[in-house]
Amino acid sequence: ADVQLVGDGGGKAPQLARTVHGADKVARVVARNFPPL
């Protein structure tokens, strides 16, 4: 329920603007961003 999604791009790659918290928000971010890859 309190899962965190953390990305580290160091300003040198496209990355999340901030850490994402919560199962619903994380699931939506992951489901939206990975299939196109």
ModelCIF file with pLDDT and N, C-alpha, C, O atoms, coordinates in Angstrom:
data_MODEL
#
_entry.id   MODEL 
#
_entity.id                         1 
_entity.type                       polymer 
_entity.pdbx_number_of_molecules   1 
#
_entity_poly.entity_id                      1 
_entity_poly.type                           'polypeptide(L)' 
_entity_poly.nstd_linkage                   no 
_entity_poly.nstd_monomer                   no 
_entity_poly.pdbx_seq_one_letter_code       ADVQLVGDGGGKAPQLARTVHGADKVARVVARNFPPL 
_entity_poly.pdbx_seq_one_letter_code_can   ADVQLVGDGGGKAPQLARTVHGADKVARVVARNFPPL 
_entity_poly.pdbx_strand_id                 A 
#
loop_
_entity_poly_seq.entity_id 
_entity_poly_seq.num 
_entity_poly_seq.mon_id 
_entity_poly_seq.hetero 
1 1  ALA n 
1 2  ASP n 
1 3  VAL n 
1 4  GLN n 
1 5  LEU n 
1 6  VAL n 
1 7  GLY n 
1 8  ASP n 
1 9  GLY n 
1 10 GLY n 
1 11 GLY n 
1 12 LYS n 
1 13 ALA n 
1 14 PRO n 
1 15 GLN n 
1 16 LEU n 
1 17 ALA n 
1 18 ARG n 
1 19 THR n 
1 20 VAL n 
1 21 HIS n 
1 22 GLY n 
1 23 ALA n 
1 24 ASP n 
1 25 LYS n 
1 26 VAL n 
1 27 ALA n 
1 28 ARG n 
1 29 VAL n 
1 30 VAL n 
1 31 ALA n 
1 32 ARG n 
1 33 ASN n 
1 34 PHE n 
1 35 PRO n 
1 36 PRO n 
1 37 LEU n 
#
_struct_asym.id          A 
_struct_asym.entity_id   1 
#
loop_
_ma_qa_metric.id 
_ma_qa_metric.mode 
_ma_qa_metric.name 
_ma_qa_metric.software_group_id 
_ma_qa_metric.type 
1 global pLDDT . pLDDT 
2 local  pLDDT . pLDDT 
#
_ma_qa_metric_global.metric_id      1 
_ma_qa_metric_global.metric_value   92.35 
_ma_qa_metric_global.model_id       1 
_ma_qa_metric_global.ordinal_id     1 
#
loop_
_ma_qa_metric_local.label_asym_id 
_ma_qa_metric_local.label_comp_id 
_ma_qa_metric_local.label_seq_id 
_ma_qa_metric_local.metric_id 
_ma_qa_metric_local.metric_value 
_ma_qa_metric_local.model_id 
_ma_qa_metric_local.ordinal_id 
A ALA 1  2 97.00 1 1  
A ASP 2  2 96.00 1 2  
A VAL 3  2 97.00 1 3  
A GLN 4  2 96.00 1 4  
A LEU 5  2 97.00 1 5  
A VAL 6  2 96.00 1 6  
A GLY 7  2 94.00 1 7  
A ASP 8  2 96.00 1 8  
A GLY 9  2 94.00 1 9  
A GLY 10 2 93.00 1 10 
A GLY 11 2 91.00 1 11 
A LYS 12 2 91.00 1 12 
A ALA 13 2 90.00 1 13 
A PRO 14 2 87.00 1 14 
A GLN 15 2 76.00 1 15 
A LEU 16 2 72.00 1 16 
A ALA 17 2 66.00 1 17 
A ARG 18 2 83.00 1 18 
A THR 19 2 92.00 1 19 
A VAL 20 2 96.00 1 20 
A HIS 21 2 96.00 1 21 
A GLY 22 2 97.00 1 22 
A ALA 23 2 97.00 1 23 
A ASP 24 2 97.00 1 24 
A LYS 25 2 97.00 1 25 
A VAL 26 2 97.00 1 26 
A ALA 27 2 97.00 1 27 
A ARG 28 2 96.00 1 28 
A VAL 29 2 95.00 1 29 
A VAL 30 2 96.00 1 30 
A ALA 31 2 96.00 1 31 
A ARG 32 2 94.00 1 32 
A ASN 33 2 92.00 1 33 
A PHE 34 2 93.00 1 34 
A PRO 35 2 94.00 1 35 
A PRO 36 2 92.00 1 36 
A LEU 37 2 91.00 1 37 
#
loop_
_atom_site.group_PDB 
_atom_site.id 
_atom_site.type_symbol 
_atom_site.label_atom_id 
_atom_site.label_alt_id 
_atom_site.label_comp_id 
_atom_site.label_asym_id 
_atom_site.label_entity_id 
_atom_site.label_seq_id 
_atom_site.pdbx_PDB_ins_code 
_atom_site.Cartn_x 
_atom_site.Cartn_y 
_atom_site.Cartn_z 
_atom_site.occupancy 
_atom_site.B_iso_or_equiv 
_atom_site.pdbx_formal_charge 
_atom_site.auth_seq_id 
_atom_site.auth_comp_id 
_atom_site.auth_asym_id 
_atom_site.auth_atom_id 
_atom_site.pdbx_PDB_model_num 
ATOM 1   N N  . ALA A 1 1  ? 0.814  -1.212 0.000   1.00 97.00 ? 1  ALA A N  1 
ATOM 2   C CA . ALA A 1 1  ? 0.000  0.000  0.000   1.00 97.00 ? 1  ALA A CA 1 
ATOM 3   C C  . ALA A 1 1  ? 0.849  1.263  0.000   1.00 97.00 ? 1  ALA A C  1 
ATOM 4   O O  . ALA A 1 1  ? 0.489  2.263  -0.622  1.00 97.00 ? 1  ALA A O  1 
ATOM 5   N N  . ASP A 1 2  ? 1.988  1.213  0.706   1.00 96.00 ? 2  ASP A N  1 
ATOM 6   C CA . ASP A 1 2  ? 2.852  2.401  0.811   1.00 96.00 ? 2  ASP A CA 1 
ATOM 7   C C  . ASP A 1 2  ? 4.108  2.277  -0.046  1.00 96.00 ? 2  ASP A C  1 
ATOM 8   O O  . ASP A 1 2  ? 5.150  2.839  0.290   1.00 96.00 ? 2  ASP A O  1 
ATOM 9   N N  . VAL A 1 3  ? 4.008  1.545  -1.150  1.00 97.00 ? 3  VAL A N  1 
ATOM 10  C CA . VAL A 1 3  ? 5.157  1.348  -2.040  1.00 97.00 ? 3  VAL A CA 1 
ATOM 11  C C  . VAL A 1 3  ? 5.704  2.683  -2.533  1.00 97.00 ? 3  VAL A C  1 
ATOM 12  O O  . VAL A 1 3  ? 4.965  3.658  -2.673  1.00 97.00 ? 3  VAL A O  1 
ATOM 13  N N  . GLN A 1 4  ? 7.018  2.713  -2.797  1.00 96.00 ? 4  GLN A N  1 
ATOM 14  C CA . GLN A 1 4  ? 7.668  3.891  -3.352  1.00 96.00 ? 4  GLN A CA 1 
ATOM 15  C C  . GLN A 1 4  ? 8.318  3.540  -4.684  1.00 96.00 ? 4  GLN A C  1 
ATOM 16  O O  . GLN A 1 4  ? 8.908  2.470  -4.836  1.00 96.00 ? 4  GLN A O  1 
ATOM 17  N N  . LEU A 1 5  ? 8.206  4.446  -5.638  1.00 97.00 ? 5  LEU A N  1 
ATOM 18  C CA . LEU A 1 5  ? 8.914  4.331  -6.919  1.00 97.00 ? 5  LEU A CA 1 
ATOM 19  C C  . LEU A 1 5  ? 9.939  5.455  -6.970  1.00 97.00 ? 5  LEU A C  1 
ATOM 20  O O  . LEU A 1 5  ? 9.584  6.633  -6.930  1.00 97.00 ? 5  LEU A O  1 
ATOM 21  N N  . VAL A 1 6  ? 11.214 5.083  -7.060  1.00 96.00 ? 6  VAL A N  1 
ATOM 22  C CA . VAL A 1 6  ? 12.299 6.063  -7.028  1.00 96.00 ? 6  VAL A CA 1 
ATOM 23  C C  . VAL A 1 6  ? 13.127 5.916  -8.297  1.00 96.00 ? 6  VAL A C  1 
ATOM 24  O O  . VAL A 1 6  ? 13.534 4.809  -8.651  1.00 96.00 ? 6  VAL A O  1 
ATOM 25  N N  . GLY A 1 7  ? 13.379 7.027  -8.980  1.00 94.00 ? 7  GLY A N  1 
ATOM 26  C CA . GLY A 1 7  ? 14.224 7.020  -10.168 1.00 94.00 ? 7  GLY A CA 1 
ATOM 27  C C  . GLY A 1 7  ? 15.455 7.883  -9.973  1.00 94.00 ? 7  GLY A C  1 
ATOM 28  O O  . GLY A 1 7  ? 15.372 8.969  -9.398  1.00 94.00 ? 7  GLY A O  1 
ATOM 29  N N  . ASP A 1 8  ? 16.590 7.409  -10.445 1.00 96.00 ? 8  ASP A N  1 
ATOM 30  C CA . ASP A 1 8  ? 17.853 8.147  -10.344 1.00 96.00 ? 8  ASP A CA 1 
ATOM 31  C C  . ASP A 1 8  ? 18.399 8.359  -11.746 1.00 96.00 ? 8  ASP A C  1 
ATOM 32  O O  . ASP A 1 8  ? 18.957 7.450  -12.362 1.00 96.00 ? 8  ASP A O  1 
ATOM 33  N N  . GLY A 1 9  ? 18.223 9.604  -12.244 1.00 94.00 ? 9  GLY A N  1 
ATOM 34  C CA . GLY A 1 9  ? 18.793 9.968  -13.535 1.00 94.00 ? 9  GLY A CA 1 
ATOM 35  C C  . GLY A 1 9  ? 19.918 10.965 -13.408 1.00 94.00 ? 9  GLY A C  1 
ATOM 36  O O  . GLY A 1 9  ? 20.655 11.206 -14.364 1.00 94.00 ? 9  GLY A O  1 
ATOM 37  N N  . GLY A 1 10 ? 20.057 11.551 -12.217 1.00 93.00 ? 10 GLY A N  1 
ATOM 38  C CA . GLY A 1 10 ? 21.141 12.497 -11.974 1.00 93.00 ? 10 GLY A CA 1 
ATOM 39  C C  . GLY A 1 10 ? 21.137 13.719 -12.876 1.00 93.00 ? 10 GLY A C  1 
ATOM 40  O O  . GLY A 1 10 ? 22.159 14.388 -13.025 1.00 93.00 ? 10 GLY A O  1 
ATOM 41  N N  . GLY A 1 11 ? 19.987 14.013 -13.479 1.00 91.00 ? 11 GLY A N  1 
ATOM 42  C CA . GLY A 1 11 ? 19.927 15.129 -14.408 1.00 91.00 ? 11 GLY A CA 1 
ATOM 43  C C  . GLY A 1 11 ? 20.536 14.827 -15.765 1.00 91.00 ? 11 GLY A C  1 
ATOM 44  O O  . GLY A 1 11 ? 20.657 15.717 -16.607 1.00 91.00 ? 11 GLY A O  1 
ATOM 45  N N  . LYS A 1 12 ? 20.925 13.557 -15.983 1.00 91.00 ? 12 LYS A N  1 
ATOM 46  C CA . LYS A 1 12 ? 21.592 13.186 -17.230 1.00 91.00 ? 12 LYS A CA 1 
ATOM 47  C C  . LYS A 1 12 ? 20.771 12.223 -18.082 1.00 91.00 ? 12 LYS A C  1 
ATOM 48  O O  . LYS A 1 12 ? 21.245 11.722 -19.101 1.00 91.00 ? 12 LYS A O  1 
ATOM 49  N N  . ALA A 1 13 ? 19.533 11.970 -17.653 1.00 90.00 ? 13 ALA A N  1 
ATOM 50  C CA . ALA A 1 13 ? 18.623 11.107 -18.400 1.00 90.00 ? 13 ALA A CA 1 
ATOM 51  C C  . ALA A 1 13 ? 17.209 11.478 -17.999 1.00 90.00 ? 13 ALA A C  1 
ATOM 52  O O  . ALA A 1 13 ? 17.008 12.029 -16.917 1.00 90.00 ? 13 ALA A O  1 
ATOM 53  N N  . PRO A 1 14 ? 16.218 11.191 -18.842 1.00 87.00 ? 14 PRO A N  1 
ATOM 54  C CA . PRO A 1 14 ? 14.829 11.477 -18.453 1.00 87.00 ? 14 PRO A CA 1 
ATOM 55  C C  . PRO A 1 14 ? 14.494 10.722 -17.175 1.00 87.00 ? 14 PRO A C  1 
ATOM 56  O O  . PRO A 1 14 ? 14.816 9.540  -17.059 1.00 87.00 ? 14 PRO A O  1 
ATOM 57  N N  . GLN A 1 15 ? 13.858 11.379 -16.222 1.00 76.00 ? 15 GLN A N  1 
ATOM 58  C CA . GLN A 1 15 ? 13.600 10.724 -14.950 1.00 76.00 ? 15 GLN A CA 1 
ATOM 59  C C  . GLN A 1 15 ? 12.345 11.291 -14.323 1.00 76.00 ? 15 GLN A C  1 
ATOM 60  O O  . GLN A 1 15 ? 11.798 12.298 -14.774 1.00 76.00 ? 15 GLN A O  1 
ATOM 61  N N  . LEU A 1 16 ? 11.895 10.614 -13.259 1.00 72.00 ? 16 LEU A N  1 
ATOM 62  C CA . LEU A 1 16 ? 10.756 11.114 -12.512 1.00 72.00 ? 16 LEU A CA 1 
ATOM 63  C C  . LEU A 1 16 ? 11.148 12.407 -11.812 1.00 72.00 ? 16 LEU A C  1 
ATOM 64  O O  . LEU A 1 16 ? 12.262 12.541 -11.305 1.00 72.00 ? 16 LEU A O  1 
ATOM 65  N N  . ALA A 1 17 ? 10.223 13.348 -11.792 1.00 66.00 ? 17 ALA A N  1 
ATOM 66  C CA . ALA A 1 17 ? 10.512 14.613 -11.121 1.00 66.00 ? 17 ALA A CA 1 
ATOM 67  C C  . ALA A 1 17 ? 10.637 14.427 -9.617  1.00 66.00 ? 17 ALA A C  1 
ATOM 68  O O  . ALA A 1 17 ? 11.333 15.184 -8.941  1.00 66.00 ? 17 ALA A O  1 
ATOM 69  N N  . ARG A 1 18 ? 9.946  13.397 -9.095  1.00 83.00 ? 18 ARG A N  1 
ATOM 70  C CA . ARG A 1 18 ? 9.989  13.153 -7.656  1.00 83.00 ? 18 ARG A CA 1 
ATOM 71  C C  . ARG A 1 18 ? 9.642  11.694 -7.392  1.00 83.00 ? 18 ARG A C  1 
ATOM 72  O O  . ARG A 1 18 ? 9.203  10.977 -8.291  1.00 83.00 ? 18 ARG A O  1 
ATOM 73  N N  . THR A 1 19 ? 9.840  11.270 -6.170  1.00 92.00 ? 19 THR A N  1 
ATOM 74  C CA . THR A 1 19 ? 9.455  9.921  -5.777  1.00 92.00 ? 19 THR A CA 1 
ATOM 75  C C  . THR A 1 19 ? 7.933  9.800  -5.785  1.00 92.00 ? 19 THR A C  1 
ATOM 76  O O  . THR A 1 19 ? 7.224  10.704 -5.343  1.00 92.00 ? 19 THR A O  1 
ATOM 77  N N  . VAL A 1 20 ? 7.441  8.666  -6.295  1.00 96.00 ? 20 VAL A N  1 
ATOM 78  C CA . VAL A 1 20 ? 6.001  8.405  -6.351  1.00 96.00 ? 20 VAL A CA 1 
ATOM 79  C C  . VAL A 1 20 ? 5.640  7.456  -5.211  1.00 96.00 ? 20 VAL A C  1 
ATOM 80  O O  . VAL A 1 20 ? 6.319  6.452  -4.996  1.00 96.00 ? 20 VAL A O  1 
ATOM 81  N N  . HIS A 1 21 ? 4.566  7.776  -4.478  1.00 96.00 ? 21 HIS A N  1 
ATOM 82  C CA . HIS A 1 21 ? 4.158  6.986  -3.319  1.00 96.00 ? 21 HIS A CA 1 
ATOM 83  C C  . HIS A 1 21 ? 2.767  6.392  -3.544  1.00 96.00 ? 21 HIS A C  1 
ATOM 84  O O  . HIS A 1 21 ? 1.915  7.000  -4.192  1.00 96.00 ? 21 HIS A O  1 
ATOM 85  N N  . GLY A 1 22 ? 2.556  5.194  -2.997  1.00 97.00 ? 22 GLY A N  1 
ATOM 86  C CA . GLY A 1 22 ? 1.226  4.590  -2.994  1.00 97.00 ? 22 GLY A CA 1 
ATOM 87  C C  . GLY A 1 22 ? 0.997  3.640  -4.141  1.00 97.00 ? 22 GLY A C  1 
ATOM 88  O O  . GLY A 1 22 ? 1.433  3.887  -5.266  1.00 97.00 ? 22 GLY A O  1 
ATOM 89  N N  . ALA A 1 23 ? 0.299  2.532  -3.849  1.00 97.00 ? 23 ALA A N  1 
ATOM 90  C CA . ALA A 1 23 ? 0.125  1.466  -4.831  1.00 97.00 ? 23 ALA A CA 1 
ATOM 91  C C  . ALA A 1 23 ? -0.583 1.934  -6.095  1.00 97.00 ? 23 ALA A C  1 
ATOM 92  O O  . ALA A 1 23 ? -0.160 1.591  -7.199  1.00 97.00 ? 23 ALA A O  1 
ATOM 93  N N  . ASP A 1 24 ? -1.648 2.708  -5.953  1.00 97.00 ? 24 ASP A N  1 
ATOM 94  C CA . ASP A 1 24 ? -2.402 3.120  -7.138  1.00 97.00 ? 24 ASP A CA 1 
ATOM 95  C C  . ASP A 1 24 ? -1.582 4.040  -8.032  1.00 97.00 ? 24 ASP A C  1 
ATOM 96  O O  . ASP A 1 24 ? -1.531 3.845  -9.246  1.00 97.00 ? 24 ASP A O  1 
ATOM 97  N N  . LYS A 1 25 ? -0.934 5.051  -7.433  1.00 97.00 ? 25 LYS A N  1 
ATOM 98  C CA . LYS A 1 25 ? -0.140 5.993  -8.225  1.00 97.00 ? 25 LYS A CA 1 
ATOM 99  C C  . LYS A 1 25 ? 1.049  5.298  -8.887  1.00 97.00 ? 25 LYS A C  1 
ATOM 100 O O  . LYS A 1 25 ? 1.332  5.527  -10.062 1.00 97.00 ? 25 LYS A O  1 
ATOM 101 N N  . VAL A 1 26 ? 1.738  4.452  -8.129  1.00 97.00 ? 26 VAL A N  1 
ATOM 102 C CA . VAL A 1 26 ? 2.904  3.753  -8.694  1.00 97.00 ? 26 VAL A CA 1 
ATOM 103 C C  . VAL A 1 26 ? 2.467  2.837  -9.822  1.00 97.00 ? 26 VAL A C  1 
ATOM 104 O O  . VAL A 1 26 ? 3.101  2.807  -10.877 1.00 97.00 ? 26 VAL A O  1 
ATOM 105 N N  . ALA A 1 27 ? 1.390  2.090  -9.614  1.00 97.00 ? 27 ALA A N  1 
ATOM 106 C CA . ALA A 1 27 ? 0.904  1.180  -10.659 1.00 97.00 ? 27 ALA A CA 1 
ATOM 107 C C  . ALA A 1 27 ? 0.578  1.939  -11.939 1.00 97.00 ? 27 ALA A C  1 
ATOM 108 O O  . ALA A 1 27 ? 0.893  1.477  -13.035 1.00 97.00 ? 27 ALA A O  1 
ATOM 109 N N  . ARG A 1 28 ? -0.046 3.093  -11.801 1.00 96.00 ? 28 ARG A N  1 
ATOM 110 C CA . ARG A 1 28 ? -0.411 3.883  -12.982 1.00 96.00 ? 28 ARG A CA 1 
ATOM 111 C C  . ARG A 1 28 ? 0.823  4.418  -13.709 1.00 96.00 ? 28 ARG A C  1 
ATOM 112 O O  . ARG A 1 28 ? 0.882  4.387  -14.938 1.00 96.00 ? 28 ARG A O  1 
ATOM 113 N N  . VAL A 1 29 ? 1.805  4.908  -12.951 1.00 95.00 ? 29 VAL A N  1 
ATOM 114 C CA . VAL A 1 29 ? 3.028  5.424  -13.572 1.00 95.00 ? 29 VAL A CA 1 
ATOM 115 C C  . VAL A 1 29 ? 3.760  4.309  -14.314 1.00 95.00 ? 29 VAL A C  1 
ATOM 116 O O  . VAL A 1 29 ? 4.206  4.502  -15.445 1.00 95.00 ? 29 VAL A O  1 
ATOM 117 N N  . VAL A 1 30 ? 3.884  3.156  -13.684 1.00 96.00 ? 30 VAL A N  1 
ATOM 118 C CA . VAL A 1 30 ? 4.597  2.029  -14.299 1.00 96.00 ? 30 VAL A CA 1 
ATOM 119 C C  . VAL A 1 30 ? 3.838  1.521  -15.528 1.00 96.00 ? 30 VAL A C  1 
ATOM 120 O O  . VAL A 1 30 ? 4.436  1.271  -16.575 1.00 96.00 ? 30 VAL A O  1 
ATOM 121 N N  . ALA A 1 31 ? 2.520  1.372  -15.392 1.00 96.00 ? 31 ALA A N  1 
ATOM 122 C CA . ALA A 1 31 ? 1.721  0.841  -16.505 1.00 96.00 ? 31 ALA A CA 1 
ATOM 123 C C  . ALA A 1 31 ? 1.723  1.790  -17.696 1.00 96.00 ? 31 ALA A C  1 
ATOM 124 O O  . ALA A 1 31 ? 1.590  1.348  -18.837 1.00 96.00 ? 31 ALA A O  1 
ATOM 125 N N  . ARG A 1 32 ? 1.871  3.089  -17.446 1.00 94.00 ? 32 ARG A N  1 
ATOM 126 C CA . ARG A 1 32 ? 1.880  4.073  -18.537 1.00 94.00 ? 32 ARG A CA 1 
ATOM 127 C C  . ARG A 1 32 ? 3.240  4.173  -19.230 1.00 94.00 ? 32 ARG A C  1 
ATOM 128 O O  . ARG A 1 32 ? 3.306  4.373  -20.443 1.00 94.00 ? 32 ARG A O  1 
ATOM 129 N N  . ASN A 1 33 ? 4.312  4.037  -18.471 1.00 92.00 ? 33 ASN A N  1 
ATOM 130 C CA . ASN A 1 33 ? 5.639  4.357  -19.007 1.00 92.00 ? 33 ASN A CA 1 
ATOM 131 C C  . ASN A 1 33 ? 6.420  3.179  -19.581 1.00 92.00 ? 33 ASN A C  1 
ATOM 132 O O  . ASN A 1 33 ? 7.278  3.383  -20.439 1.00 92.00 ? 33 ASN A O  1 
ATOM 133 N N  . PHE A 1 34 ? 6.148  1.953  -19.132 1.00 93.00 ? 34 PHE A N  1 
ATOM 134 C CA . PHE A 1 34 ? 6.993  0.853  -19.586 1.00 93.00 ? 34 PHE A CA 1 
ATOM 135 C C  . PHE A 1 34 ? 6.547  0.192  -20.892 1.00 93.00 ? 34 PHE A C  1 
ATOM 136 O O  . PHE A 1 34 ? 7.412  -0.104 -21.716 1.00 93.00 ? 34 PHE A O  1 
ATOM 137 N N  . PRO A 1 35 ? 5.252  -0.062 -21.139 1.00 94.00 ? 35 PRO A N  1 
ATOM 138 C CA . PRO A 1 35 ? 4.881  -0.728 -22.398 1.00 94.00 ? 35 PRO A CA 1 
ATOM 139 C C  . PRO A 1 35 ? 5.418  -0.062 -23.654 1.00 94.00 ? 35 PRO A C  1 
ATOM 140 O O  . PRO A 1 35 ? 5.833  -0.777 -24.566 1.00 94.00 ? 35 PRO A O  1 
ATOM 141 N N  . PRO A 1 36 ? 5.437  1.285  -23.762 1.00 92.00 ? 36 PRO A N  1 
ATOM 142 C CA . PRO A 1 36 ? 6.006  1.880  -24.987 1.00 92.00 ? 36 PRO A CA 1 
ATOM 143 C C  . PRO A 1 36 ? 7.471  1.534  -25.213 1.00 92.00 ? 36 PRO A C  1 
ATOM 144 O O  . PRO A 1 36 ? 7.928  1.484  -26.355 1.00 92.00 ? 36 PRO A O  1 
ATOM 145 N N  . LEU A 1 37 ? 8.217  1.294  -24.123 1.00 91.00 ? 37 LEU A N  1 
ATOM 146 C CA . LEU A 1 37 ? 9.620  0.912  -24.277 1.00 91.00 ? 37 LEU A CA 1 
ATOM 147 C C  . LEU A 1 37 ? 9.735  -0.456 -24.934 1.00 91.00 ? 37 LEU A C  1 
ATOM 148 O O  . LEU A 1 37 ? 10.843 -0.948 -25.147 1.00 91.00 ? 37 LEU A O  1 
#
